[in-house]
PDB file of N, CA and C in Angstrom:
ATOM      1  N   MET A   1     -63.808 -13.334 -84.646  1.00  0.00           N
ATOM      2  CA  MET A   1     -64.950 -13.050 -84.113  1.00  0.00           C
ATOM      3  C   MET A   1     -66.039 -14.382 -84.305  1.00  0.00           C
ATOM      4  N   HIS A   2     -65.608 -15.172 -85.496  1.00  0.00           N
ATOM      5  CA  HIS A   2     -66.227 -16.358 -85.369  1.00  0.00           C
ATOM      6  C   HIS A   2     -66.232 -17.073 -84.156  1.00  0.00           C
ATOM      7  N   SER A   3     -64.801 -17.677 -83.934  1.00  0.00           N
ATOM      8  CA  SER A   3     -64.335 -18.037 -82.725  1.00  0.00           C
ATOM      9  C   SER A   3     -64.867 -17.445 -81.345  1.00  0.00           C
ATOM     10  N   GLN A   4     -65.223 -16.065 -81.375  1.00  0.00           N
ATOM     11  CA  GLN A   4     -65.600 -15.832 -80.173  1.00  0.00           C
ATOM     12  C   GLN A   4     -67.284 -16.073 -79.650  1.00  0.00           C
ATOM     13  N   ILE A   5     -68.199 -15.886 -81.296  1.00  0.00           N
ATOM     14  CA  ILE A   5     -69.403 -16.242 -81.071  1.00  0.00           C
ATOM     15  C   ILE A   5     -69.413 -17.849 -80.814  1.00  0.00           C
ATOM     16  N   VAL A   6     -68.799 -18.848 -81.156  1.00  0.00           N
ATOM     17  CA  VAL A   6     -68.832 -20.224 -81.061  1.00  0.00           C
ATOM     18  C   VAL A   6     -68.350 -20.295 -79.611  1.00  0.00           C
ATOM     19  N   ASN A   7     -67.647 -19.703 -79.122  1.00  0.00           N
ATOM     20  CA  ASN A   7     -67.397 -19.883 -77.609  1.00  0.00           C
ATOM     21  C   ASN A   7     -68.316 -19.273 -76.469  1.00  0.00           C
ATOM     22  N   ASP A   8     -68.935 -18.251 -76.952  1.00  0.00           N
ATOM     23  CA  ASP A   8     -70.086 -17.819 -76.095  1.00  0.00           C
ATOM     24  C   ASP A   8     -71.207 -18.639 -76.331  1.00  0.00           C
ATOM     25  N   TYR A   9     -71.372 -19.401 -77.423  1.00  0.00           N
ATOM     26  CA  TYR A   9     -72.558 -19.945 -77.718  1.00  0.00           C
ATOM     27  C   TYR A   9     -72.522 -21.360 -76.866  1.00  0.00           C
ATOM     28  N   VAL A  10     -71.145 -21.992 -76.933  1.00  0.00           N
ATOM     29  CA  VAL A  10     -70.946 -23.149 -76.013  1.00  0.00           C
ATOM     30  C   VAL A  10     -70.984 -22.931 -74.651  1.00  0.00           C
ATOM     31  N   ASP A  11     -70.670 -21.453 -74.148  1.00  0.00           N
ATOM     32  CA  ASP A  11     -70.731 -21.444 -72.827  1.00  0.00           C
ATOM     33  C   ASP A  11     -72.022 -21.080 -72.173  1.00  0.00           C
ATOM     34  N   GLY A  12     -73.172 -20.784 -73.101  1.00  0.00           N
ATOM     35  CA  GLY A  12     -74.401 -20.376 -72.673  1.00  0.00           C
ATOM     36  C   GLY A  12     -74.536 -19.204 -72.571  1.00  0.00           C
ATOM     37  N   ALA A  13     -73.711 -18.100 -73.327  1.00  0.00           N
ATOM     38  CA  ALA A  13     -74.032 -16.652 -73.363  1.00  0.00           C
ATOM     39  C   ALA A  13     -74.713 -16.337 -74.225  1.00  0.00           C
ATOM     40  N   ILE A  14     -74.803 -17.212 -75.431  1.00  0.00           N
ATOM     41  CA  ILE A  14     -75.840 -16.978 -76.520  1.00  0.00           C
ATOM     42  C   ILE A  14     -76.842 -17.549 -76.452  1.00  0.00           C
ATOM     43  N   PRO A  15     -77.878 -17.648 -76.345  1.00  0.00           N
ATOM     44  CA  PRO A  15     -79.103 -18.616 -76.389  1.00  0.00           C
ATOM     45  C   PRO A  15     -79.325 -19.056 -78.066  1.00  0.00           C
ATOM     46  N   SER A  16     -79.735 -20.359 -77.609  1.00  0.00           N
ATOM     47  CA  SER A  16     -80.071 -20.808 -78.891  1.00  0.00           C
ATOM     48  C   SER A  16     -81.244 -20.284 -79.997  1.00  0.00           C
ATOM     49  N   GLY A  17     -81.089 -19.975 -81.333  1.00  0.00           N
ATOM     50  CA  GLY A  17     -82.221 -18.952 -81.834  1.00  0.00           C
ATOM     51  C   GLY A  17     -81.884 -17.531 -82.133  1.00  0.00           C
ATOM     52  N   SER A  18     -80.645 -17.240 -81.196  1.00  0.00           N
ATOM     53  CA  SER A  18     -80.170 -15.994 -81.209  1.00  0.00           C
ATOM     54  C   SER A  18     -79.936 -15.602 -82.686  1.00  0.00           C
ATOM     55  N   PRO A  19     -80.274 -14.299 -83.127  1.00  0.00           N
ATOM     56  CA  PRO A  19     -80.061 -13.684 -84.756  1.00  0.00           C
ATOM     57  C   PRO A  19     -78.304 -13.690 -84.668  1.00  0.00           C
ATOM     58  N   VAL A  20     -77.646 -13.554 -83.615  1.00  0.00           N
ATOM     59  CA  VAL A  20     -76.094 -13.381 -83.900  1.00  0.00           C
ATOM     60  C   VAL A  20     -75.512 -14.768 -84.226  1.00  0.00           C
ATOM     61  N   LEU A  21     -76.253 -15.786 -84.206  1.00  0.00           N
ATOM     62  CA  LEU A  21     -75.762 -17.234 -84.495  1.00  0.00           C
ATOM     63  C   LEU A  21     -75.774 -16.884 -86.058  1.00  0.00           C
ATOM     64  N   ASN A  22     -76.598 -16.235 -86.626  1.00  0.00           N
ATOM     65  CA  ASN A  22     -76.437 -15.926 -88.362  1.00  0.00           C
ATOM     66  C   ASN A  22     -75.051 -15.817 -88.837  1.00  0.00           C
ATOM     67  N   PHE A  23     -74.281 -14.845 -88.058  1.00  0.00           N
ATOM     68  CA  PHE A  23     -72.581 -14.515 -88.443  1.00  0.00           C
ATOM     69  C   PHE A  23     -72.177 -15.810 -88.812  1.00  0.00           C
ATOM     70  N   LEU A  24     -72.486 -17.108 -87.991  1.00  0.00           N
ATOM     71  CA  LEU A  24     -71.618 -18.345 -88.291  1.00  0.00           C
ATOM     72  C   LEU A  24     -71.665 -18.788 -89.666  1.00  0.00           C
ATOM     73  N   ASP A  25     -72.787 -18.280 -90.251  1.00  0.00           N
ATOM     74  CA  ASP A  25     -73.220 -18.800 -91.699  1.00  0.00           C
ATOM     75  C   ASP A  25     -72.636 -18.216 -92.758  1.00  0.00           C
ATOM     76  N   GLU A  26     -71.952 -16.960 -92.463  1.00  0.00           N
ATOM     77  CA  GLU A  26     -71.356 -16.324 -93.408  1.00  0.00           C
ATOM     78  C   GLU A  26     -69.783 -16.057 -93.318  1.00  0.00           C
ATOM     79  N   ASN A  27     -69.100 -15.923 -94.851  1.00  0.00           N
ATOM     80  CA  ASN A  27     -67.669 -15.698 -94.698  1.00  0.00           C
ATOM     81  C   ASN A  27     -67.590 -14.256 -94.690  1.00  0.00           C
ATOM     82  N   TYR A  28     -66.481 -13.503 -93.873  1.00  0.00           N
ATOM     83  CA  TYR A  28     -66.319 -12.268 -94.207  1.00  0.00           C
ATOM     84  C   TYR A  28     -64.926 -12.194 -94.458  1.00  0.00           C
ATOM     85  N   LEU A  29     -64.629 -11.434 -95.487  1.00  0.00           N
ATOM     86  CA  LEU A  29     -63.165 -11.331 -96.231  1.00  0.00           C
ATOM     87  C   LEU A  29     -62.666 -10.079 -95.770  1.00  0.00           C
ATOM     88  N   PHE A  30     -61.169  -9.928 -95.706  1.00  0.00           N
ATOM     89  CA  PHE A  30     -60.743  -8.509 -95.536  1.00  0.00           C
ATOM     90  C   PHE A  30     -60.969  -7.887 -97.044  1.00  0.00           C
ATOM     91  N   MET A  31     -60.960  -6.464 -96.524  1.00  0.00           N
ATOM     92  CA  MET A  31     -61.462  -5.630 -97.889  1.00  0.00           C
ATOM     93  C   MET A  31     -60.272  -5.422 -98.512  1.00  0.00           C
ATOM     94  N   ARG A  32     -60.467  -5.470-100.017  1.00  0.00           N
ATOM     95  CA  ARG A  32     -59.452  -5.172-101.022  1.00  0.00           C
ATOM     96  C   ARG A  32     -58.577  -3.876-100.722  1.00  0.00           C
ATOM     97  N   TYR A  33     -57.189  -4.031-101.141  1.00  0.00           N
ATOM     98  CA  TYR A  33     -56.396  -2.987-101.193  1.00  0.00           C
ATOM     99  C   TYR A  33     -56.919  -1.860-101.852  1.00  0.00           C
ATOM    100  N   GLY A  34     -56.566  -0.838-101.511  1.00  0.00           N
ATOM    101  CA  GLY A  34     -57.002   0.472-102.578  1.00  0.00           C
ATOM    102  C   GLY A  34     -57.740   1.503-101.406  1.00  0.00           C
ATOM    103  N   PHE A  35     -58.154   2.902-102.265  1.00  0.00           N
ATOM    104  CA  PHE A  35     -58.689   3.768-101.617  1.00  0.00           C
ATOM    105  C   PHE A  35     -60.315   3.380-101.950  1.00  0.00           C
ATOM    106  N   TYR A  36     -60.869   3.958-100.557  1.00  0.00           N
ATOM    107  CA  TYR A  36     -62.327   4.126-100.334  1.00  0.00           C
ATOM    108  C   TYR A  36     -62.941   5.457-100.188  1.00  0.00           C
ATOM    109  N   LYS A  37     -64.421   5.484-100.400  1.00  0.00           N
ATOM    110  CA  LYS A  37     -64.885   6.842-100.075  1.00  0.00           C
ATOM    111  C   LYS A  37     -66.177   6.193 -99.531  1.00  0.00           C
ATOM    112  N   THR A  38     -66.651   6.966 -98.108  1.00  0.00           N
ATOM    113  CA  THR A  38     -67.866   6.359 -97.480  1.00  0.00           C
ATOM    114  C   THR A  38     -68.645   7.727 -96.865  1.00  0.00           C
ATOM    115  N   THR A  39     -69.630   7.554 -96.828  1.00  0.00           N
ATOM    116  CA  THR A  39     -70.610   8.843 -96.424  1.00  0.00           C
ATOM    117  C   THR A  39     -71.102   8.264 -95.030  1.00  0.00           C
ATOM    118  N   LEU A  40     -70.837   9.179 -93.876  1.00  0.00           N
ATOM    119  CA  LEU A  40     -71.397   8.899 -92.817  1.00  0.00           C
ATOM    120  C   LEU A  40     -72.497  10.283 -92.351  1.00  0.00           C
ATOM    121  N   SER A  41     -73.666   9.688 -91.995  1.00  0.00           N
ATOM    122  CA  SER A  41     -74.582  10.665 -91.964  1.00  0.00           C
ATOM    123  C   SER A  41     -75.650  10.313 -90.564  1.00  0.00           C
ATOM    124  N   TYR A  42     -75.941  11.366 -89.804  1.00  0.00           N
ATOM    125  CA  TYR A  42     -76.606  11.435 -88.605  1.00  0.00           C
ATOM    126  C   TYR A  42     -77.861  11.453 -88.934  1.00  0.00           C
ATOM    127  N   LYS A  43     -79.010  10.668 -88.072  1.00  0.00           N
ATOM    128  CA  LYS A  43     -80.589  11.007 -88.120  1.00  0.00           C
ATOM    129  C   LYS A  43     -80.730  11.084 -86.431  1.00  0.00           C
ATOM    130  N   LEU A  44     -81.215  12.182 -86.326  1.00  0.00           N
ATOM    131  CA  LEU A  44     -81.687  12.678 -85.299  1.00  0.00           C
ATOM    132  C   LEU A  44     -82.985  12.081 -84.698  1.00  0.00           C
ATOM    133  N   PRO A  45     -83.451  11.801 -83.184  1.00  0.00           N
ATOM    134  CA  PRO A  45     -84.834  11.663 -82.930  1.00  0.00           C
ATOM    135  C   PRO A  45     -85.841  12.316 -83.565  1.00  0.00           C
ATOM    136  N   GLY A  46     -87.072  11.885 -84.079  1.00  0.00           N
ATOM    137  CA  GLY A  46     -88.127  12.466 -84.763  1.00  0.00           C
ATOM    138  C   GLY A  46     -87.682  12.302 -86.186  1.00  0.00           C
ATOM    139  N   ASN A  47     -86.877  11.620 -86.803  1.00  0.00           N
ATOM    140  CA  ASN A  47     -86.364  11.380 -88.144  1.00  0.00           C
ATOM    141  C   ASN A  47     -86.038  12.646 -88.957  1.00  0.00           C
ATOM    142  N   ILE A  48     -85.165  13.389 -87.874  1.00  0.00           N
ATOM    143  CA  ILE A  48     -84.662  14.789 -88.487  1.00  0.00           C
ATOM    144  C   ILE A  48     -83.208  14.420 -88.731  1.00  0.00           C
ATOM    145  N   ASN A  49     -82.791  14.726 -90.125  1.00  0.00           N
ATOM    146  CA  ASN A  49     -81.741  14.641 -90.780  1.00  0.00           C
ATOM    147  C   ASN A  49     -80.443  15.578 -89.973  1.00  0.00           C
ATOM    148  N   GLY A  50     -79.579  15.014 -89.422  1.00  0.00           N
ATOM    149  CA  GLY A  50     -78.446  15.840 -88.549  1.00  0.00           C
ATOM    150  C   GLY A  50     -77.436  16.065 -90.160  1.00  0.00           C
ATOM    151  N   THR A  51     -76.048  16.424 -89.555  1.00  0.00           N
ATOM    152  CA  THR A  51     -75.222  16.583 -90.401  1.00  0.00           C
ATOM    153  C   THR A  51     -74.683  15.256 -90.905  1.00  0.00           C
ATOM    154  N   SER A  52     -73.871  15.296 -92.491  1.00  0.00           N
ATOM    155  CA  SER A  52     -73.196  14.076 -92.904  1.00  0.00           C
ATOM    156  C   SER A  52     -71.795  14.823 -93.461  1.00  0.00           C
ATOM    157  N   THR A  53     -70.927  13.668 -93.615  1.00  0.00           N
ATOM    158  CA  THR A  53     -69.635  14.180 -94.020  1.00  0.00           C
ATOM    159  C   THR A  53     -68.876  13.092 -94.726  1.00  0.00           C
ATOM    160  N   THR A  54     -68.155  13.219 -95.746  1.00  0.00           N
ATOM    161  CA  THR A  54     -67.642  11.983 -96.566  1.00  0.00           C
ATOM    162  C   THR A  54     -66.428  11.597 -96.157  1.00  0.00           C
ATOM    163  N   PHE A  55     -65.971  10.568 -95.682  1.00  0.00           N
ATOM    164  CA  PHE A  55     -64.838  10.105 -95.560  1.00  0.00           C
ATOM    165  C   PHE A  55     -63.899   9.398 -96.660  1.00  0.00           C
ATOM    166  N   LYS A  56     -62.615   9.717 -96.604  1.00  0.00           N
ATOM    167  CA  LYS A  56     -61.751   9.099 -97.969  1.00  0.00           C
ATOM    168  C   LYS A  56     -60.794   8.577 -97.078  1.00  0.00           C
ATOM    169  N   PHE A  57     -60.578   7.196 -97.160  1.00  0.00           N
ATOM    170  CA  PHE A  57     -59.527   6.231 -96.737  1.00  0.00           C
ATOM    171  C   PHE A  57     -58.771   5.514 -97.586  1.00  0.00           C
ATOM    172  N   LYS A  58     -57.513   5.080 -97.479  1.00  0.00           N
ATOM    173  CA  LYS A  58     -56.913   4.117 -98.136  1.00  0.00           C
ATOM    174  C   LYS A  58     -56.597   2.603 -97.177  1.00  0.00           C
ATOM    175  N   ASN A  59     -56.972   1.617 -97.729  1.00  0.00           N
ATOM    176  CA  ASN A  59     -56.503   0.349 -97.187  1.00  0.00           C
ATOM    177  C   ASN A  59     -55.193  -0.109 -97.451  1.00  0.00           C
ATOM    178  N   PRO A  60     -54.239   0.080 -96.572  1.00  0.00           N
ATOM    179  CA  PRO A  60     -52.823  -0.184 -97.033  1.00  0.00           C
ATOM    180  C   PRO A  60     -52.499  -1.950 -97.061  1.00  0.00           C
ATOM    181  N   ASN A  61     -53.462  -2.725 -96.628  1.00  0.00           N
ATOM    182  CA  ASN A  61     -53.079  -4.155 -96.298  1.00  0.00           C
ATOM    183  C   ASN A  61     -53.259  -4.885 -97.799  1.00  0.00           C
ATOM    184  N   ASN A  62     -52.461  -5.600 -98.078  1.00  0.00           N
ATOM    185  CA  ASN A  62     -52.324  -6.311 -99.603  1.00  0.00           C
ATOM    186  C   ASN A  62     -52.719  -7.934 -99.293  1.00  0.00           C
ATOM    187  N   PHE A  63     -53.777  -7.848 -98.486  1.00  0.00           N
ATOM    188  CA  PHE A  63     -54.216  -9.616 -98.215  1.00  0.00           C
ATOM    189  C   PHE A  63     -54.896  -9.716 -99.199  1.00  0.00           C
ATOM    190  N   ARG A  64     -55.428  -8.848 -99.945  1.00  0.00           N
ATOM    191  CA  ARG A  64     -56.617  -9.339-101.081  1.00  0.00           C
ATOM    192  C   ARG A  64     -56.108  -8.190-102.042  1.00  0.00           C
ATOM    193  N   ASN A  65     -55.845  -8.581-103.395  1.00  0.00           N
ATOM    194  CA  ASN A  65     -55.384  -7.502-104.298  1.00  0.00           C
ATOM    195  C   ASN A  65     -56.731  -7.505-105.322  1.00  0.00           C
TER     196      ASN A  65
END
């Protein structure tokens, strides 16, 4: 992703001062190996709560222990 942003900036597809360029100032690491649980919830127009559900997943990659 980093190189794609840089390439688009150099090619003029991303203007100077774009908030997308903030991604270049951060380091993004792989998620650690293990089990994770997250909740996805929907917010409908008019600030109405929609449904939500919990996802459980395992990251099988051992890039970072």
